[in-house]
N, C-alpha and C. Protein backbone atom coordinates (compact mmCIF):
# COMPACT_ATOMS: atom_id res chain seq x y z
N PHE A 1 50.10 -1.21 -38.40
CA PHE A 1 49.22 -2.30 -38.50
C PHE A 1 47.79 -1.98 -37.97
N VAL A 2 47.71 -1.05 -37.07
CA VAL A 2 46.41 -0.63 -36.59
C VAL A 2 45.52 -0.10 -37.66
N CYS A 3 46.15 0.55 -38.52
CA CYS A 3 45.25 1.23 -39.58
C CYS A 3 44.61 0.20 -40.57
N ALA A 4 45.60 -0.72 -40.86
CA ALA A 4 45.32 -1.91 -41.79
C ALA A 4 44.00 -2.69 -41.12
N ALA A 5 44.25 -2.96 -39.94
CA ALA A 5 43.18 -3.70 -39.17
C ALA A 5 41.91 -2.86 -39.02
N ALA A 6 41.98 -1.54 -38.94
CA ALA A 6 40.79 -0.79 -38.80
C ALA A 6 40.03 -0.72 -40.24
N ALA A 7 40.80 -0.75 -41.18
CA ALA A 7 40.24 -0.81 -42.54
C ALA A 7 39.60 -2.05 -42.84
N ARG A 8 40.23 -3.32 -42.42
CA ARG A 8 39.55 -4.55 -42.51
C ARG A 8 38.24 -4.68 -41.71
N SER A 9 38.32 -4.10 -40.59
CA SER A 9 37.16 -4.17 -39.68
C SER A 9 36.01 -3.40 -40.22
N LEU A 10 36.22 -2.06 -40.78
CA LEU A 10 35.35 -1.26 -41.56
C LEU A 10 34.73 -2.00 -42.68
N ALA A 11 35.56 -2.67 -43.45
CA ALA A 11 34.99 -3.41 -44.60
C ALA A 11 34.06 -4.56 -44.32
N ALA A 12 34.36 -5.14 -42.93
CA ALA A 12 33.55 -6.36 -42.54
C ALA A 12 32.15 -5.84 -42.05
N LEU A 13 32.14 -4.52 -41.54
CA LEU A 13 30.89 -3.98 -41.13
C LEU A 13 29.91 -3.86 -42.15
N GLY A 14 30.41 -3.60 -43.29
CA GLY A 14 29.46 -3.47 -44.49
C GLY A 14 28.99 -2.06 -44.43
N PRO A 15 27.57 -2.06 -45.08
CA PRO A 15 27.04 -0.61 -45.41
C PRO A 15 26.98 0.36 -44.23
N ALA A 16 26.91 -0.26 -43.02
CA ALA A 16 26.99 0.64 -41.81
C ALA A 16 28.31 1.38 -41.75
N ALA A 17 29.30 1.13 -42.36
CA ALA A 17 30.68 1.84 -42.32
C ALA A 17 30.81 2.79 -43.42
N ARG A 18 29.87 2.92 -44.30
CA ARG A 18 29.96 4.03 -45.51
C ARG A 18 30.45 5.15 -44.93
N PRO A 19 29.99 5.78 -43.85
CA PRO A 19 30.40 7.12 -43.46
C PRO A 19 31.87 7.22 -43.21
N ALA A 20 32.62 6.05 -43.20
CA ALA A 20 34.09 6.06 -42.96
C ALA A 20 34.73 6.09 -44.45
N LEU A 21 34.17 6.25 -45.44
CA LEU A 21 34.67 6.10 -46.83
C LEU A 21 35.82 7.41 -46.98
N LYS A 22 35.38 8.53 -46.49
CA LYS A 22 36.38 9.66 -46.62
C LYS A 22 37.51 9.50 -45.89
N PRO A 23 37.41 9.11 -44.65
CA PRO A 23 38.79 8.75 -44.04
C PRO A 23 39.73 7.60 -44.44
N LEU A 24 38.90 6.68 -45.12
CA LEU A 24 39.66 5.58 -45.69
C LEU A 24 40.37 6.21 -47.00
N ALA A 25 39.65 7.16 -47.81
CA ALA A 25 40.21 7.73 -48.96
C ALA A 25 41.49 8.67 -48.57
N ASP A 26 41.32 9.17 -47.21
CA ASP A 26 42.36 9.99 -46.74
C ASP A 26 43.70 9.19 -46.48
N ALA A 27 43.37 7.80 -46.28
CA ALA A 27 44.81 7.10 -46.02
C ALA A 27 45.33 6.62 -47.13
N LEU A 28 44.85 6.82 -48.41
CA LEU A 28 45.56 6.29 -49.70
C LEU A 28 46.82 7.09 -49.87
N PRO A 29 46.87 8.30 -49.83
CA PRO A 29 48.20 8.85 -50.30
C PRO A 29 49.30 8.70 -49.11
N ASP A 30 50.57 8.90 -49.43
CA ASP A 30 51.66 8.96 -48.53
C ASP A 30 51.51 10.24 -47.68
N ARG A 31 51.72 10.15 -46.38
CA ARG A 31 51.81 11.34 -45.50
C ARG A 31 53.20 11.81 -45.62
N ASN A 32 54.11 11.00 -45.39
CA ASN A 32 55.44 11.38 -45.54
C ASN A 32 56.27 10.30 -46.26
N PHE A 33 56.42 10.54 -47.54
CA PHE A 33 56.88 9.30 -48.33
C PHE A 33 58.17 8.76 -47.85
N ASP A 34 58.98 9.57 -47.26
CA ASP A 34 60.41 8.99 -46.78
C ASP A 34 60.24 8.31 -45.40
N HIS A 35 59.12 8.55 -44.67
CA HIS A 35 59.22 8.06 -43.30
C HIS A 35 57.92 7.25 -42.83
N ASP A 36 56.89 7.31 -43.85
CA ASP A 36 55.56 6.79 -43.52
C ASP A 36 55.23 6.00 -44.51
N PHE A 37 56.02 5.23 -45.18
CA PHE A 37 55.70 4.36 -46.36
C PHE A 37 55.11 3.05 -46.00
N ARG A 38 53.85 2.87 -45.81
CA ARG A 38 53.30 1.46 -45.52
C ARG A 38 52.28 1.22 -46.61
N PRO A 39 52.75 0.64 -47.61
CA PRO A 39 51.75 0.37 -48.69
C PRO A 39 50.68 -0.69 -48.38
N HIS A 40 50.89 -1.43 -47.39
CA HIS A 40 49.86 -2.37 -47.05
C HIS A 40 48.70 -1.73 -46.29
N ARG A 41 48.89 -0.77 -45.59
CA ARG A 41 47.99 0.24 -45.01
C ARG A 41 47.03 0.85 -46.01
N ALA A 42 47.69 1.28 -46.93
CA ALA A 42 46.85 1.96 -48.16
C ALA A 42 46.08 0.89 -48.92
N ALA A 43 46.72 -0.23 -48.98
CA ALA A 43 46.01 -1.33 -49.93
C ALA A 43 44.80 -1.81 -49.08
N GLU A 44 44.90 -1.85 -47.78
CA GLU A 44 43.65 -2.25 -46.95
C GLU A 44 42.69 -1.27 -47.03
N ALA A 45 43.07 0.08 -47.07
CA ALA A 45 41.97 1.16 -47.17
C ALA A 45 41.46 0.88 -48.53
N ALA A 46 42.16 0.81 -49.60
CA ALA A 46 41.67 0.79 -50.91
C ALA A 46 40.68 -0.45 -50.97
N GLU A 47 41.07 -1.51 -50.36
CA GLU A 47 40.17 -2.64 -50.62
C GLU A 47 38.82 -2.47 -49.77
N ALA A 48 38.79 -1.68 -48.67
CA ALA A 48 37.67 -1.60 -47.86
C ALA A 48 36.92 -0.56 -48.55
N ILE A 49 37.45 0.44 -49.19
CA ILE A 49 36.62 1.46 -50.14
C ILE A 49 35.87 0.59 -51.29
N LEU A 50 36.71 -0.30 -51.93
CA LEU A 50 35.89 -1.08 -53.00
C LEU A 50 34.87 -2.13 -52.50
N THR A 51 35.05 -2.45 -51.26
CA THR A 51 34.14 -3.48 -50.77
C THR A 51 32.85 -2.67 -50.24
N LEU A 52 33.10 -1.67 -49.60
CA LEU A 52 31.99 -0.85 -49.12
C LEU A 52 31.07 -0.13 -50.20
N ALA A 53 31.84 0.47 -51.21
CA ALA A 53 31.15 1.26 -52.07
C ALA A 53 31.86 1.31 -53.49
N PRO A 54 31.71 0.10 -54.25
CA PRO A 54 32.64 0.20 -55.29
C PRO A 54 32.15 1.14 -56.49
N GLN A 55 31.03 1.89 -56.30
CA GLN A 55 30.68 2.89 -57.35
C GLN A 55 30.85 4.30 -56.87
N SER A 56 31.46 4.39 -55.55
CA SER A 56 31.69 5.76 -55.00
C SER A 56 32.79 6.39 -55.49
N GLU A 57 32.63 7.89 -55.41
CA GLU A 57 33.71 8.73 -55.97
C GLU A 57 35.10 8.36 -55.51
N PHE A 58 35.32 7.57 -54.60
CA PHE A 58 36.64 7.15 -54.05
C PHE A 58 37.17 5.86 -54.71
N ALA A 59 36.24 5.19 -55.41
CA ALA A 59 36.58 3.93 -55.98
C ALA A 59 37.83 3.90 -57.01
N GLY A 60 37.74 4.88 -57.77
CA GLY A 60 38.65 5.19 -58.87
C GLY A 60 40.11 5.33 -58.22
N ALA A 61 40.09 6.15 -57.22
CA ALA A 61 41.61 6.25 -56.41
C ALA A 61 41.92 5.15 -55.95
N ALA A 62 41.13 4.32 -55.39
CA ALA A 62 41.52 2.95 -54.79
C ALA A 62 41.97 1.99 -55.82
N VAL A 63 41.24 1.95 -56.82
CA VAL A 63 41.93 0.94 -57.92
C VAL A 63 43.18 1.57 -58.45
N LYS A 64 43.29 2.88 -58.63
CA LYS A 64 44.53 3.47 -59.14
C LYS A 64 45.80 3.19 -58.10
N LEU A 65 45.47 3.28 -56.85
CA LEU A 65 46.55 2.96 -55.95
C LEU A 65 46.85 1.50 -55.82
N LEU A 66 46.13 0.64 -56.10
CA LEU A 66 46.38 -0.83 -56.21
C LEU A 66 47.09 -1.15 -57.30
N THR A 67 47.07 -0.46 -58.48
CA THR A 67 47.85 -0.66 -59.69
C THR A 67 49.05 0.25 -60.02
N SER A 68 49.24 1.05 -58.71
CA SER A 68 50.32 2.19 -59.02
C SER A 68 51.72 1.67 -58.85
N ASP A 69 52.78 2.32 -59.37
CA ASP A 69 54.16 2.08 -59.11
C ASP A 69 54.48 1.90 -57.68
N ARG A 70 53.74 2.72 -56.86
CA ARG A 70 53.98 2.64 -55.33
C ARG A 70 53.78 1.43 -54.83
N MET A 71 52.72 0.55 -55.39
CA MET A 71 52.28 -0.71 -54.84
C MET A 71 53.05 -1.82 -55.75
N LEU A 72 53.44 -1.63 -56.86
CA LEU A 72 54.10 -2.69 -57.74
C LEU A 72 55.52 -2.58 -57.83
N ASN A 73 56.25 -1.47 -57.74
CA ASN A 73 57.66 -1.27 -58.25
C ASN A 73 58.47 -0.51 -57.30
N ASP A 74 57.95 -0.26 -56.02
CA ASP A 74 58.81 0.59 -55.11
C ASP A 74 60.11 -0.19 -54.59
N GLU A 75 61.19 0.24 -54.80
CA GLU A 75 62.42 -0.39 -54.25
C GLU A 75 62.45 -0.42 -52.85
N ARG A 76 61.77 0.44 -52.12
CA ARG A 76 62.02 0.47 -50.60
C ARG A 76 61.30 -0.63 -49.94
N VAL A 77 60.26 -1.33 -50.61
CA VAL A 77 59.49 -2.48 -49.96
C VAL A 77 59.83 -3.73 -50.69
N ASP A 78 59.28 -4.71 -50.01
CA ASP A 78 59.38 -6.03 -50.62
C ASP A 78 58.31 -6.20 -51.83
N SER A 79 58.79 -5.70 -53.07
CA SER A 79 57.85 -5.51 -54.17
C SER A 79 56.97 -6.75 -54.53
N GLU A 80 57.76 -7.91 -54.35
CA GLU A 80 56.86 -9.18 -54.72
C GLU A 80 55.73 -9.37 -53.72
N GLY A 81 56.07 -9.03 -52.43
CA GLY A 81 54.88 -9.21 -51.47
C GLY A 81 53.97 -8.21 -51.73
N THR A 82 54.29 -7.01 -51.91
CA THR A 82 53.45 -5.85 -52.16
C THR A 82 52.61 -6.15 -53.50
N ARG A 83 53.27 -6.51 -54.41
CA ARG A 83 52.59 -6.89 -55.66
C ARG A 83 51.38 -7.96 -55.40
N THR A 84 51.80 -8.89 -54.63
CA THR A 84 50.95 -10.04 -54.36
C THR A 84 49.82 -9.58 -53.51
N ALA A 85 49.91 -8.77 -52.62
CA ALA A 85 48.94 -8.11 -51.65
C ALA A 85 48.15 -7.21 -52.54
N ALA A 86 48.61 -6.44 -53.42
CA ALA A 86 47.57 -5.67 -54.34
C ALA A 86 46.74 -6.61 -55.24
N ALA A 87 47.49 -7.60 -55.79
CA ALA A 87 46.55 -8.53 -56.70
C ALA A 87 45.44 -9.25 -55.95
N LYS A 88 45.86 -9.72 -54.72
CA LYS A 88 44.81 -10.39 -54.00
C LYS A 88 43.67 -9.38 -53.44
N ALA A 89 44.03 -8.14 -53.10
CA ALA A 89 43.10 -7.02 -52.92
C ALA A 89 42.08 -6.93 -54.05
N LEU A 90 42.68 -6.76 -55.24
CA LEU A 90 41.88 -6.50 -56.42
C LEU A 90 40.92 -7.78 -56.53
N ALA A 91 41.62 -8.88 -56.49
CA ALA A 91 40.67 -10.14 -56.69
C ALA A 91 39.55 -10.19 -55.61
N ARG A 92 39.73 -9.85 -54.39
CA ARG A 92 38.72 -9.86 -53.51
C ARG A 92 37.64 -8.86 -53.82
N CYS A 93 37.93 -7.88 -54.51
CA CYS A 93 37.00 -6.71 -54.85
C CYS A 93 36.14 -7.07 -55.82
N GLY A 94 36.28 -8.25 -56.66
CA GLY A 94 35.51 -8.51 -57.70
C GLY A 94 35.34 -7.50 -58.79
N PRO A 95 34.04 -7.33 -59.22
CA PRO A 95 33.78 -6.37 -60.38
C PRO A 95 34.17 -4.98 -60.15
N ALA A 96 34.37 -4.60 -58.75
CA ALA A 96 34.55 -3.28 -58.51
C ALA A 96 36.10 -2.95 -59.03
N ALA A 97 36.94 -3.98 -59.27
CA ALA A 97 38.25 -3.75 -59.72
C ALA A 97 38.35 -3.91 -61.22
N ALA A 98 37.25 -4.06 -61.93
CA ALA A 98 37.51 -4.34 -63.40
C ALA A 98 38.39 -3.34 -64.11
N THR A 99 38.17 -1.93 -63.59
CA THR A 99 38.91 -1.08 -64.32
C THR A 99 40.55 -1.21 -64.26
N ALA A 100 41.01 -2.14 -63.35
CA ALA A 100 42.37 -2.42 -63.14
C ALA A 100 42.83 -3.36 -64.42
N LEU A 101 41.94 -4.05 -65.02
CA LEU A 101 42.35 -4.88 -66.19
C LEU A 101 42.96 -4.22 -67.48
């Protein structure tokens, strides 16, 4: 939960947090899929990327994550809650998430 809170805090900082885009992008993939599967952490990082720099080189990966099977259909997590979190994250990102449509 610390990673998710850090991502939310960075997004709230606005443009001053843009140097954190690369570390946020590094939080998108699984580190160890069997033991470190935290889709909400990655969703928060994706949302922060889309909030801070919707036109950045990392934005496409963020949208791709939020619409991926990992977020929407993984049997190891509460898929309904994860789908809802992904949809809300995309909604909060506004036009930056248009490619998800």
